[in-house]
Amino acid sequence: MKPSKVCFELISNDNIEGFSAPPYPDEGGVATIGYGTTIYPNGTRVTLKDKPITKEQAMAYLEYHCTQDAKLIEPLIKVPLNQNQIDATLCFVYNFGVPKFKSSTLLKVINQNPNDFDKIEAQWRRWIYELNIKTGEKEIKKGLVKRRVAEFLLYKRPV
């Protein structure tokens, strides 16, 4: 299982992650840089004091993390997926992380039938909430709604 150029293009799209040369705190307060990188390939966490990076560096980080995520989720997925399904799933995992995906109902539903689009879409679209660090409440985020729609449209698109 490997991510394709489609995966990288989807994640780096301005409507998904977008690019930021300098580090910034994401909506959850986590220091982030490039196309959503929170940990550099060497294992060091991004800090708000880090130097800005180029788009080329950001893309290298994105490609590295997606490739690593692919290696981690490959044993979790027990059914064959087409490349669009792989890329969409990796985009999702890039956003929420392997641990959350590993314990998700989404993974269970994919493993039951990777082409049961109704059940998969219902699970996919549940992942639109983010914790508001000021109120401690979960809130629907418009950006996550758009992202889940884009990911799922890719997931169900034939190759």
Protein backbone atom coordinates (compact mmCIF):
# COMPACT_ATOMS: atom_id res chain seq x y z
CA MET A 1 0.00 0.00 0.00
CA LYS A 2 1.47 3.31 -1.11
CA PRO A 3 0.06 6.81 -1.44
CA SER A 4 -0.10 8.27 -4.93
CA LYS A 5 0.27 11.79 -6.25
CA VAL A 6 -3.52 12.12 -5.90
CA CYS A 7 -3.22 11.68 -2.12
CA PHE A 8 -0.56 14.38 -1.84
CA GLU A 9 -2.52 16.76 -4.07
CA LEU A 10 -5.69 16.26 -2.04
CA ILE A 11 -4.01 16.89 1.31
CA SER A 12 -2.01 19.90 0.07
CA ASN A 13 -5.10 21.49 -1.48
CA ASP A 14 -5.92 24.88 0.04
CA ASN A 15 -9.37 23.54 1.03
CA ILE A 16 -7.82 20.65 2.98
CA GLU A 17 -4.54 21.47 4.72
CA GLY A 18 -3.27 24.46 2.80
CA PHE A 19 0.32 25.67 3.13
CA SER A 20 1.96 27.75 5.83
CA ALA A 21 5.69 28.51 5.65
CA PRO A 22 5.94 29.70 9.26
CA PRO A 23 4.69 27.53 12.12
CA TYR A 24 1.29 28.35 13.57
CA PRO A 25 -1.00 26.91 16.24
CA ASP A 26 -3.78 24.83 14.66
CA GLU A 27 -7.35 25.06 15.97
CA GLY A 28 -6.43 22.60 18.70
CA GLY A 29 -3.40 24.69 19.70
CA VAL A 30 -0.83 22.25 18.24
CA ALA A 31 2.22 23.80 16.57
CA THR A 32 1.94 23.04 12.85
CA ILE A 33 3.92 23.88 9.71
CA GLY A 34 3.76 23.29 5.97
CA TYR A 35 0.82 21.10 5.00
CA GLY A 36 -0.27 20.14 8.50
CA THR A 37 3.02 18.74 9.79
CA THR A 38 3.19 18.55 13.58
CA ILE A 39 6.23 16.24 13.83
CA TYR A 40 9.24 16.46 11.55
CA PRO A 41 10.51 13.27 9.86
CA ASN A 42 13.35 13.12 12.43
CA GLY A 43 10.76 12.78 15.22
CA THR A 44 11.10 16.32 16.61
CA ARG A 45 7.85 18.17 17.34
CA VAL A 46 7.18 21.38 15.46
CA THR A 47 7.42 24.47 17.70
CA LEU A 48 6.16 27.97 17.10
CA LYS A 49 9.78 29.18 17.19
CA ASP A 50 10.87 27.06 14.19
CA LYS A 51 12.08 28.73 11.01
CA PRO A 52 9.71 28.94 8.03
CA ILE A 53 9.97 26.19 5.43
CA THR A 54 9.54 26.08 1.66
CA LYS A 55 6.70 24.38 -0.21
CA GLU A 56 9.22 21.76 -1.35
CA GLN A 57 10.17 20.97 2.26
CA ALA A 58 6.51 20.87 3.24
CA MET A 59 5.72 18.43 0.43
CA ALA A 60 8.66 16.22 1.43
CA TYR A 61 7.30 16.10 5.01
CA LEU A 62 3.81 15.33 3.76
CA GLU A 63 5.04 12.53 1.50
CA TYR A 64 7.14 11.07 4.30
CA HIS A 65 4.27 11.01 6.80
CA CYS A 66 1.76 9.56 4.31
CA THR A 67 4.22 6.82 3.39
CA GLN A 68 4.78 6.00 7.07
CA ASP A 69 1.02 6.03 7.74
CA ALA A 70 0.51 3.66 4.80
CA LYS A 71 2.93 1.18 6.36
CA LEU A 72 1.11 1.42 9.70
CA ILE A 73 -2.43 1.01 8.37
CA GLU A 74 -1.69 -1.67 5.78
CA PRO A 75 -1.91 -4.52 8.33
CA LEU A 76 -5.15 -3.05 9.70
CA ILE A 77 -6.98 -3.20 6.38
CA LYS A 78 -7.99 -6.79 5.70
CA VAL A 79 -9.61 -6.26 2.28
CA PRO A 80 -8.27 -5.11 -1.09
CA LEU A 81 -8.64 -1.38 -1.76
CA ASN A 82 -8.20 0.40 -5.06
CA GLN A 83 -5.75 3.32 -5.29
CA ASN A 84 -8.45 5.97 -4.81
CA GLN A 85 -9.65 4.19 -1.66
CA ILE A 86 -6.07 4.00 -0.38
CA ASP A 87 -5.43 7.69 -1.07
CA ALA A 88 -8.70 8.83 0.53
CA THR A 89 -8.07 6.67 3.59
CA LEU A 90 -4.53 8.03 3.94
CA CYS A 91 -5.85 11.59 3.70
CA PHE A 92 -8.25 10.77 6.54
CA VAL A 93 -5.49 9.13 8.61
CA TYR A 94 -3.16 12.09 8.00
CA ASN A 95 -5.79 14.27 9.65
CA PHE A 96 -6.88 12.09 12.58
CA GLY A 97 -3.92 9.75 13.08
CA VAL A 98 -3.36 6.03 13.02
CA PRO A 99 -4.49 5.36 16.64
CA LYS A 100 -7.93 6.90 16.10
CA PHE A 101 -8.32 5.13 12.75
CA LYS A 102 -7.26 1.81 14.27
CA SER A 103 -10.07 1.95 16.84
CA SER A 104 -12.69 3.47 14.51
CA THR A 105 -15.96 2.02 13.31
CA LEU A 106 -14.93 3.37 9.90
CA LEU A 107 -12.12 0.81 9.73
CA LYS A 108 -14.49 -1.97 10.80
CA VAL A 109 -16.99 -1.02 8.11
CA ILE A 110 -14.28 -0.83 5.43
CA ASN A 111 -13.06 -4.29 6.46
CA GLN A 112 -16.60 -5.68 6.25
CA ASN A 113 -17.07 -4.46 2.68
CA PRO A 114 -14.86 -1.75 1.14
CA ASN A 115 -17.53 -1.01 -1.46
CA ASP A 116 -20.51 -0.56 0.88
CA PHE A 117 -20.47 3.16 0.15
CA ASP A 118 -23.59 4.00 2.16
CA LYS A 119 -22.23 2.55 5.41
CA ILE A 120 -18.73 3.87 4.79
CA GLU A 121 -19.99 7.37 3.98
CA ALA A 122 -22.08 7.43 7.16
CA GLN A 123 -18.98 6.58 9.22
CA TRP A 124 -16.69 8.90 7.24
CA ARG A 125 -18.93 11.90 7.79
CA ARG A 126 -18.97 11.41 11.57
CA TRP A 127 -15.41 12.78 11.75
CA ILE A 128 -16.30 16.47 11.48
CA TYR A 129 -15.86 17.56 15.10
CA GLU A 130 -12.98 19.23 16.84
CA LEU A 131 -12.56 20.10 20.48
CA ASN A 132 -12.81 23.82 21.17
CA ILE A 133 -9.87 24.41 23.51
CA LYS A 134 -11.59 27.45 25.04
CA THR A 135 -14.94 25.84 25.86
CA GLY A 136 -13.94 22.16 26.07
CA GLU A 137 -16.91 21.31 23.82
CA LYS A 138 -16.85 19.42 20.54
CA GLU A 139 -17.87 21.58 17.59
CA ILE A 140 -18.60 20.89 13.94
CA LYS A 141 -15.86 22.45 11.84
CA LYS A 142 -16.74 23.59 8.32
CA GLY A 143 -13.24 22.77 7.14
CA LEU A 144 -13.60 19.17 8.36
CA VAL A 145 -17.00 18.88 6.68
CA LYS A 146 -15.45 19.97 3.36
CA ARG A 147 -12.50 17.67 3.87
CA ARG A 148 -14.65 14.61 4.63
CA VAL A 149 -16.76 15.26 1.51
CA ALA A 150 -13.64 15.56 -0.68
CA GLU A 151 -12.08 12.43 0.84
CA PHE A 152 -15.21 10.35 0.46
CA LEU A 153 -15.79 11.50 -3.13
CA LEU A 154 -12.29 10.24 -3.89
CA TYR A 155 -12.90 7.01 -1.94
CA LYS A 156 -15.95 6.06 -4.01
CA ARG A 157 -14.54 7.22 -7.36
CA PRO A 158 -13.70 4.26 -9.62
CA VAL A 159 -10.10 3.91 -10.77
